[in-house]
């Protein structure tokens, strides 16, 4: 088993929480609240790494993400495969 950690942007609004992985092509999901969005983000990350690893780039560091997206909530999403 190997642990993977990818930074994701979590954006909350009145309709729920949108999640995007800038380092993964097509890495977008959402949830009705933060907990559901995190569950969906982990599920998406696991799916992408397992089935289409060519769409998963090298994950940026938290510092790089904060420079690129200074006003967004950056959360590291971790899965073990």
PDB file of N, CA and C in Angstrom:
ATOM      1  N   UNK A   1       0.839  -1.182   0.000  1.00  0.00           N
ATOM      2  CA  UNK A   1       0.000   0.000   0.000  1.00  0.00           C
ATOM      3  C   UNK A   1       0.886   1.247   0.000  1.00  0.00           C
ATOM      4  N   UNK A   2       0.404   2.253  -0.714  1.00  0.00           N
ATOM      5  CA  UNK A   2       1.148   3.506  -0.807  1.00  0.00           C
ATOM      6  C   UNK A   2       0.218   4.670  -0.472  1.00  0.00           C
ATOM      7  N   UNK A   3       0.770   5.651   0.245  1.00  0.00           N
ATOM      8  CA  UNK A   3      -0.005   6.834   0.618  1.00  0.00           C
ATOM      9  C   UNK A   3       0.222   7.933  -0.415  1.00  0.00           C
ATOM     10  N   UNK A   4      -0.861   8.581  -0.831  1.00  0.00           N
ATOM     11  CA  UNK A   4      -0.824   9.710  -1.763  1.00  0.00           C
ATOM     12  C   UNK A   4      -1.484  10.901  -1.084  1.00  0.00           C
ATOM     13  N   UNK A   5      -0.895  12.076  -1.268  1.00  0.00           N
ATOM     14  CA  UNK A   5      -1.462  13.311  -0.722  1.00  0.00           C
ATOM     15  C   UNK A   5      -1.478  14.348  -1.843  1.00  0.00           C
ATOM     16  N   UNK A   6      -2.666  14.846  -2.157  1.00  0.00           N
ATOM     17  CA  UNK A   6      -2.836  15.877  -3.183  1.00  0.00           C
ATOM     18  C   UNK A   6      -3.573  17.061  -2.583  1.00  0.00           C
ATOM     19  N   UNK A   7      -3.125  18.272  -2.883  1.00  0.00           N
ATOM     20  CA  UNK A   7      -3.850  19.451  -2.412  1.00  0.00           C
ATOM     21  C   UNK A   7      -5.100  19.684  -3.264  1.00  0.00           C
ATOM     22  N   UNK A   8      -6.146  20.105  -2.592  1.00  0.00           N
ATOM     23  CA  UNK A   8      -7.404  20.409  -3.279  1.00  0.00           C
ATOM     24  C   UNK A   8      -7.917  21.755  -2.795  1.00  0.00           C
ATOM     25  N   UNK A   9      -8.680  22.398  -3.649  1.00  0.00           N
ATOM     26  CA  UNK A   9      -9.321  23.667  -3.305  1.00  0.00           C
ATOM     27  C   UNK A   9     -10.768  23.362  -2.931  1.00  0.00           C
ATOM     28  N   UNK A  10     -11.166  23.789  -1.750  1.00  0.00           N
ATOM     29  CA  UNK A  10     -12.540  23.612  -1.264  1.00  0.00           C
ATOM     30  C   UNK A  10     -13.200  24.982  -1.245  1.00  0.00           C
ATOM     31  N   UNK A  11     -14.287  25.134  -1.974  1.00  0.00           N
ATOM     32  CA  UNK A  11     -15.008  26.410  -2.024  1.00  0.00           C
ATOM     33  C   UNK A  11     -16.434  26.176  -1.538  1.00  0.00           C
ATOM     34  N   UNK A  12     -16.773  26.833  -0.427  1.00  0.00           N
ATOM     35  CA  UNK A  12     -18.096  26.683   0.168  1.00  0.00           C
ATOM     36  C   UNK A  12     -19.000  27.835  -0.258  1.00  0.00           C
ATOM     37  N   UNK A  13     -20.260  27.495  -0.548  1.00  0.00           N
ATOM     38  CA  UNK A  13     -21.281  28.505  -0.798  1.00  0.00           C
ATOM     39  C   UNK A  13     -22.609  27.970  -0.287  1.00  0.00           C
ATOM     40  N   UNK A  14     -23.689  28.668  -0.563  1.00  0.00           N
ATOM     41  CA  UNK A  14     -24.994  28.279  -0.035  1.00  0.00           C
ATOM     42  C   UNK A  14     -25.506  26.944  -0.606  1.00  0.00           C
ATOM     43  N   UNK A  15     -24.936  26.498  -1.705  1.00  0.00           N
ATOM     44  CA  UNK A  15     -25.382  25.242  -2.316  1.00  0.00           C
ATOM     45  C   UNK A  15     -24.560  24.036  -1.889  1.00  0.00           C
ATOM     46  N   UNK A  16     -23.433  24.250  -1.216  1.00  0.00           N
ATOM     47  CA  UNK A  16     -22.587  23.149  -0.786  1.00  0.00           C
ATOM     48  C   UNK A  16     -21.122  23.495  -0.894  1.00  0.00           C
ATOM     49  N   UNK A  17     -20.311  22.462  -1.133  1.00  0.00           N
ATOM     50  CA  UNK A  17     -18.862  22.635  -1.189  1.00  0.00           C
ATOM     51  C   UNK A  17     -18.343  22.039  -2.494  1.00  0.00           C
ATOM     52  N   UNK A  18     -17.693  22.873  -3.291  1.00  0.00           N
ATOM     53  CA  UNK A  18     -17.069  22.420  -4.533  1.00  0.00           C
ATOM     54  C   UNK A  18     -15.608  22.105  -4.245  1.00  0.00           C
ATOM     55  N   UNK A  19     -15.112  21.039  -4.870  1.00  0.00           N
ATOM     56  CA  UNK A  19     -13.730  20.623  -4.673  1.00  0.00           C
ATOM     57  C   UNK A  19     -13.062  20.474  -6.032  1.00  0.00           C
ATOM     58  N   UNK A  20     -11.839  21.005  -6.148  1.00  0.00           N
ATOM     59  CA  UNK A  20     -11.076  20.789  -7.378  1.00  0.00           C
ATOM     60  C   UNK A  20      -9.620  20.484  -7.034  1.00  0.00           C
ATOM     61  N   UNK A  21      -9.054  19.573  -7.804  1.00  0.00           N
ATOM     62  CA  UNK A  21      -7.646  19.195  -7.688  1.00  0.00           C
ATOM     63  C   UNK A  21      -6.922  19.815  -8.880  1.00  0.00           C
ATOM     64  N   UNK A  22      -6.190  20.906  -8.689  1.00  0.00           N
ATOM     65  CA  UNK A  22      -5.501  21.551  -9.811  1.00  0.00           C
ATOM     66  C   UNK A  22      -4.481  20.655 -10.515  1.00  0.00           C
ATOM     67  N   UNK A  23      -3.939  19.657  -9.815  1.00  0.00           N
ATOM     68  CA  UNK A  23      -2.913  18.796 -10.395  1.00  0.00           C
ATOM     69  C   UNK A  23      -3.484  17.550 -11.078  1.00  0.00           C
ATOM     70  N   UNK A  24      -4.816  17.458 -11.149  1.00  0.00           N
ATOM     71  CA  UNK A  24      -5.458  16.291 -11.761  1.00  0.00           C
ATOM     72  C   UNK A  24      -6.430  16.762 -12.838  1.00  0.00           C
ATOM     73  N   UNK A  25      -6.209  16.299 -14.053  1.00  0.00           N
ATOM     74  CA  UNK A  25      -7.106  16.649 -15.158  1.00  0.00           C
ATOM     75  C   UNK A  25      -8.472  16.034 -14.880  1.00  0.00           C
ATOM     76  N   UNK A  26      -9.507  16.853 -14.847  1.00  0.00           N
ATOM     77  CA  UNK A  26     -10.861  16.378 -14.575  1.00  0.00           C
ATOM     78  C   UNK A  26     -11.124  16.121 -13.108  1.00  0.00           C
ATOM     79  N   UNK A  27     -10.242  16.594 -12.238  1.00  0.00           N
ATOM     80  CA  UNK A  27     -10.368  16.345 -10.805  1.00  0.00           C
ATOM     81  C   UNK A  27     -11.296  17.322 -10.113  1.00  0.00           C
ATOM     82  N   UNK A  28     -12.600  17.133 -10.316  1.00  0.00           N
ATOM     83  CA  UNK A  28     -13.604  18.032  -9.743  1.00  0.00           C
ATOM     84  C   UNK A  28     -14.731  17.204  -9.136  1.00  0.00           C
ATOM     85  N   UNK A  29     -15.170  17.591  -7.944  1.00  0.00           N
ATOM     86  CA  UNK A  29     -16.301  16.936  -7.294  1.00  0.00           C
ATOM     87  C   UNK A  29     -16.952  17.933  -6.344  1.00  0.00           C
ATOM     88  N   UNK A  30     -17.935  17.483  -5.571  1.00  0.00           N
ATOM     89  CA  UNK A  30     -18.585  18.373  -4.617  1.00  0.00           C
ATOM     90  C   UNK A  30     -19.301  17.566  -3.553  1.00  0.00           C
ATOM     91  N   UNK A  31     -19.903  18.278  -2.606  1.00  0.00           N
ATOM     92  CA  UNK A  31     -20.694  17.668  -1.549  1.00  0.00           C
ATOM     93  C   UNK A  31     -21.606  18.696  -0.932  1.00  0.00           C
ATOM     94  N   UNK A  32     -22.583  18.217  -0.180  1.00  0.00           N
ATOM     95  CA  UNK A  32     -23.548  19.146   0.429  1.00  0.00           C
ATOM     96  C   UNK A  32     -22.953  19.904   1.607  1.00  0.00           C
ATOM     97  N   UNK A  33     -21.888  19.326   2.236  1.00  0.00           N
ATOM     98  CA  UNK A  33     -21.181  19.991   3.323  1.00  0.00           C
ATOM     99  C   UNK A  33     -19.715  19.564   3.267  1.00  0.00           C
ATOM    100  N   UNK A  34     -18.900  20.080   4.194  1.00  0.00           N
ATOM    101  CA  UNK A  34     -17.464  19.791   4.136  1.00  0.00           C
ATOM    102  C   UNK A  34     -17.180  18.297   4.259  1.00  0.00           C
ATOM    103  N   UNK A  35     -17.835  17.621   5.182  1.00  0.00           N
ATOM    104  CA  UNK A  35     -17.576  16.194   5.386  1.00  0.00           C
ATOM    105  C   UNK A  35     -17.893  15.373   4.145  1.00  0.00           C
ATOM    106  N   UNK A  36     -19.026  15.641   3.524  1.00  0.00           N
ATOM    107  CA  UNK A  36     -19.380  14.912   2.304  1.00  0.00           C
ATOM    108  C   UNK A  36     -18.424  15.264   1.169  1.00  0.00           C
ATOM    109  N   UNK A  37     -18.031  16.523   1.074  1.00  0.00           N
ATOM    110  CA  UNK A  37     -17.092  16.944   0.039  1.00  0.00           C
ATOM    111  C   UNK A  37     -15.736  16.249   0.225  1.00  0.00           C
ATOM    112  N   UNK A  38     -15.277  16.104   1.464  1.00  0.00           N
ATOM    113  CA  UNK A  38     -14.019  15.407   1.723  1.00  0.00           C
ATOM    114  C   UNK A  38     -14.135  13.930   1.353  1.00  0.00           C
ATOM    115  N   UNK A  39     -15.246  13.312   1.703  1.00  0.00           N
ATOM    116  CA  UNK A  39     -15.482  11.916   1.331  1.00  0.00           C
ATOM    117  C   UNK A  39     -15.433  11.760  -0.193  1.00  0.00           C
ATOM    118  N   UNK A  40     -16.113  12.648  -0.896  1.00  0.00           N
ATOM    119  CA  UNK A  40     -16.150  12.590  -2.356  1.00  0.00           C
ATOM    120  C   UNK A  40     -14.762  12.870  -2.952  1.00  0.00           C
ATOM    121  N   UNK A  41     -14.013  13.795  -2.335  1.00  0.00           N
ATOM    122  CA  UNK A  41     -12.664  14.116  -2.810  1.00  0.00           C
ATOM    123  C   UNK A  41     -11.747  12.900  -2.679  1.00  0.00           C
ATOM    124  N   UNK A  42     -11.820  12.212  -1.558  1.00  0.00           N
ATOM    125  CA  UNK A  42     -11.006  11.002  -1.365  1.00  0.00           C
ATOM    126  C   UNK A  42     -11.395   9.920  -2.364  1.00  0.00           C
ATOM    127  N   UNK A  43     -12.682   9.760  -2.566  1.00  0.00           N
ATOM    128  CA  UNK A  43     -13.166   8.761  -3.520  1.00  0.00           C
ATOM    129  C   UNK A  43     -12.684   9.091  -4.937  1.00  0.00           C
ATOM    130  N   UNK A  44     -12.779  10.350  -5.325  1.00  0.00           N
ATOM    131  CA  UNK A  44     -12.321  10.778  -6.650  1.00  0.00           C
ATOM    132  C   UNK A  44     -10.817  10.587  -6.792  1.00  0.00           C
ATOM    133  N   UNK A  45     -10.057  10.986  -5.783  1.00  0.00           N
ATOM    134  CA  UNK A  45      -8.603  10.847  -5.838  1.00  0.00           C
ATOM    135  C   UNK A  45      -8.209   9.382  -5.995  1.00  0.00           C
ATOM    136  N   UNK A  46      -8.811   8.515  -5.219  1.00  0.00           N
ATOM    137  CA  UNK A  46      -8.540   7.076  -5.309  1.00  0.00           C
ATOM    138  C   UNK A  46      -8.871   6.552  -6.705  1.00  0.00           C
ATOM    139  N   UNK A  47     -10.006   6.945  -7.224  1.00  0.00           N
ATOM    140  CA  UNK A  47     -10.446   6.514  -8.560  1.00  0.00           C
ATOM    141  C   UNK A  47      -9.485   6.984  -9.640  1.00  0.00           C
ATOM    142  N   UNK A  48      -9.107   8.246  -9.596  1.00  0.00           N
ATOM    143  CA  UNK A  48      -8.219   8.803 -10.620  1.00  0.00           C
ATOM    144  C   UNK A  48      -6.840   8.149 -10.569  1.00  0.00           C
ATOM    145  N   UNK A  49      -6.288   7.966  -9.382  1.00  0.00           N
ATOM    146  CA  UNK A  49      -4.967   7.359  -9.253  1.00  0.00           C
ATOM    147  C   UNK A  49      -4.969   5.891  -9.690  1.00  0.00           C
ATOM    148  N   UNK A  50      -6.080   5.217  -9.480  1.00  0.00           N
ATOM    149  CA  UNK A  50      -6.176   3.800  -9.815  1.00  0.00           C
ATOM    150  C   UNK A  50      -6.476   3.566 -11.294  1.00  0.00           C
ATOM    151  N   UNK A  51      -7.399   4.350 -11.860  1.00  0.00           N
ATOM    152  CA  UNK A  51      -7.893   4.068 -13.212  1.00  0.00           C
ATOM    153  C   UNK A  51      -7.315   4.945 -14.316  1.00  0.00           C
ATOM    154  N   UNK A  52      -6.925   6.163 -13.999  1.00  0.00           N
ATOM    155  CA  UNK A  52      -6.350   7.051 -15.021  1.00  0.00           C
ATOM    156  C   UNK A  52      -5.150   7.813 -14.447  1.00  0.00           C
ATOM    157  N   UNK A  53      -4.113   7.095 -14.028  1.00  0.00           N
ATOM    158  CA  UNK A  53      -2.981   7.760 -13.392  1.00  0.00           C
ATOM    159  C   UNK A  53      -2.270   8.767 -14.295  1.00  0.00           C
ATOM    160  N   UNK A  54      -2.401   8.613 -15.617  1.00  0.00           N
ATOM    161  CA  UNK A  54      -1.781   9.562 -16.537  1.00  0.00           C
ATOM    162  C   UNK A  54      -2.373  10.958 -16.448  1.00  0.00           C
ATOM    163  N   UNK A  55      -3.561  11.084 -15.855  1.00  0.00           N
ATOM    164  CA  UNK A  55      -4.193  12.385 -15.690  1.00  0.00           C
ATOM    165  C   UNK A  55      -3.810  13.049 -14.371  1.00  0.00           C
ATOM    166  N   UNK A  56      -3.014  12.352 -13.565  1.00  0.00           N
ATOM    167  CA  UNK A  56      -2.616  12.860 -12.258  1.00  0.00           C
ATOM    168  C   UNK A  56      -1.176  13.335 -12.309  1.00  0.00           C
ATOM    169  N   UNK A  57      -1.006  14.639 -12.221  1.00  0.00           N
ATOM    170  CA  UNK A  57       0.337  15.204 -12.219  1.00  0.00           C
ATOM    171  C   UNK A  57       0.979  15.083 -10.852  1.00  0.00           C
ATOM    172  N   UNK A  58       2.180  15.578 -10.742  1.00  0.00           N
ATOM    173  CA  UNK A  58       2.871  15.616  -9.463  1.00  0.00           C
ATOM    174  C   UNK A  58       2.159  16.629  -8.563  1.00  0.00           C
ATOM    175  N   UNK A  59       1.814  16.229  -7.345  1.00  0.00           N
ATOM    176  CA  UNK A  59       1.091  17.169  -6.482  1.00  0.00           C
ATOM    177  C   UNK A  59       1.956  18.358  -6.072  1.00  0.00           C
ATOM    178  N   UNK A  60       1.350  19.519  -6.123  1.00  0.00           N
ATOM    179  CA  UNK A  60       2.022  20.746  -5.682  1.00  0.00           C
ATOM    180  C   UNK A  60       2.154  20.732  -4.161  1.00  0.00           C
ATOM    181  N   UNK A  61       3.109  21.491  -3.669  1.00  0.00           N
ATOM    182  CA  UNK A  61       3.253  21.624  -2.216  1.00  0.00           C
ATOM    183  C   UNK A  61       2.200  22.613  -1.709  1.00  0.00           C
ATOM    184  N   UNK A  62       1.890  22.557  -0.425  1.00  0.00           N
ATOM    185  CA  UNK A  62       0.947  23.533   0.125  1.00  0.00           C
ATOM    186  C   UNK A  62       1.402  24.976  -0.101  1.00  0.00           C
ATOM    187  N   UNK A  63       2.703  25.202  -0.035  1.00  0.00           N
ATOM    188  CA  UNK A  63       3.224  26.552  -0.248  1.00  0.00           C
ATOM    189  C   UNK A  63       2.976  27.025  -1.683  1.00  0.00           C
ATOM    190  N   UNK A  64       3.201  26.134  -2.645  1.00  0.00           N
ATOM    191  CA  UNK A  64       2.941  26.475  -4.050  1.00  0.00           C
ATOM    192  C   UNK A  64       1.458  26.776  -4.264  1.00  0.00           C
ATOM    193  N   UNK A  65       0.604  25.975  -3.657  1.00  0.00           N
ATOM    194  CA  UNK A  65      -0.837  26.173  -3.811  1.00  0.00           C
ATOM    195  C   UNK A  65      -1.278  27.511  -3.210  1.00  0.00           C
ATOM    196  N   UNK A  66      -0.730  27.861  -2.063  1.00  0.00           N
ATOM    197  CA  UNK A  66      -1.101  29.128  -1.425  1.00  0.00           C
ATOM    198  C   UNK A  66      -0.675  30.326  -2.261  1.00  0.00           C
ATOM    199  N   UNK A  67       0.439  30.185  -2.972  1.00  0.00           N
ATOM    200  CA  UNK A  67       0.880  31.264  -3.861  1.00  0.00           C
ATOM    201  C   UNK A  67      -0.051  31.382  -5.061  1.00  0.00           C
ATOM    202  N   UNK A  68      -0.473  30.235  -5.607  1.00  0.00           N
ATOM    203  CA  UNK A  68      -1.338  30.235  -6.786  1.00  0.00           C
ATOM    204  C   UNK A  68      -2.784  30.601  -6.458  1.00  0.00           C
ATOM    205  N   UNK A  69      -3.253  30.196  -5.291  1.00  0.00           N
ATOM    206  CA  UNK A  69      -4.652  30.405  -4.895  1.00  0.00           C
ATOM    207  C   UNK A  69      -4.697  31.018  -3.493  1.00  0.00           C
ATOM    208  N   UNK A  70      -4.234  32.265  -3.345  1.00  0.00           N
ATOM    209  CA  UNK A  70      -4.082  32.857  -2.007  1.00  0.00           C
ATOM    210  C   UNK A  70      -5.383  33.071  -1.244  1.00  0.00           C
ATOM    211  N   UNK A  71      -6.516  33.148  -1.928  1.00  0.00           N
ATOM    212  CA  UNK A  71      -7.772  33.443  -1.246  1.00  0.00           C
ATOM    213  C   UNK A  71      -8.660  32.209  -1.067  1.00  0.00           C
ATOM    214  N   UNK A  72      -8.178  31.055  -1.502  1.00  0.00           N
ATOM    215  CA  UNK A  72      -8.985  29.840  -1.432  1.00  0.00           C
ATOM    216  C   UNK A  72      -8.555  28.952  -0.270  1.00  0.00           C
ATOM    217  N   UNK A  73      -9.470  28.091   0.155  1.00  0.00           N
ATOM    218  CA  UNK A  73      -9.184  27.133   1.216  1.00  0.00           C
ATOM    219  C   UNK A  73      -8.507  25.919   0.587  1.00  0.00           C
ATOM    220  N   UNK A  74      -7.248  25.695   0.941  1.00  0.00           N
ATOM    221  CA  UNK A  74      -6.472  24.572   0.416  1.00  0.00           C
ATOM    222  C   UNK A  74      -6.461  23.478   1.477  1.00  0.00           C
ATOM    223  N   UNK A  75      -6.845  22.262   1.072  1.00  0.00           N
ATOM    224  CA  UNK A  75      -6.879  21.127   1.977  1.00  0.00           C
ATOM    225  C   UNK A  75      -6.112  19.985   1.344  1.00  0.00           C
ATOM    226  N   UNK A  76      -5.235  19.348   2.102  1.00  0.00           N
ATOM    227  CA  UNK A  76      -4.516  18.184   1.592  1.00  0.00           C
ATOM    228  C   UNK A  76      -5.412  16.961   1.761  1.00  0.00           C
ATOM    229  N   UNK A  77      -5.643  16.259   0.652  1.00  0.00           N
ATOM    230  CA  UNK A  77      -6.479  15.063   0.642  1.00  0.00           C
ATOM    231  C   UNK A  77      -5.559  13.863   0.559  1.00  0.00           C
ATOM    232  N   UNK A  78      -5.731  12.927   1.478  1.00  0.00           N
ATOM    233  CA  UNK A  78      -4.841  11.768   1.578  1.00  0.00           C
ATOM    234  C   UNK A  78      -5.613  10.474   1.368  1.00  0.00           C
ATOM    235  N   UNK A  79      -5.049   9.590   0.534  1.00  0.00           N
ATOM    236  CA  UNK A  79      -5.611   8.252   0.344  1.00  0.00           C
ATOM    237  C   UNK A  79      -4.472   7.231   0.364  1.00  0.00           C
ATOM    238  N   UNK A  80      -4.804   6.023   0.715  1.00  0.00           N
ATOM    239  CA  UNK A  80      -3.853   4.916   0.668  1.00  0.00           C
ATOM    240  C   UNK A  80      -4.397   3.880  -0.311  1.00  0.00           C
ATOM    241  N   UNK A  81      -3.547   3.503  -1.244  1.00  0.00           N
ATOM    242  CA  UNK A  81      -3.953   2.539  -2.279  1.00  0.00           C
ATOM    243  C   UNK A  81      -3.003   1.356  -2.221  1.00  0.00           C
TER     244      UNK A  81
END
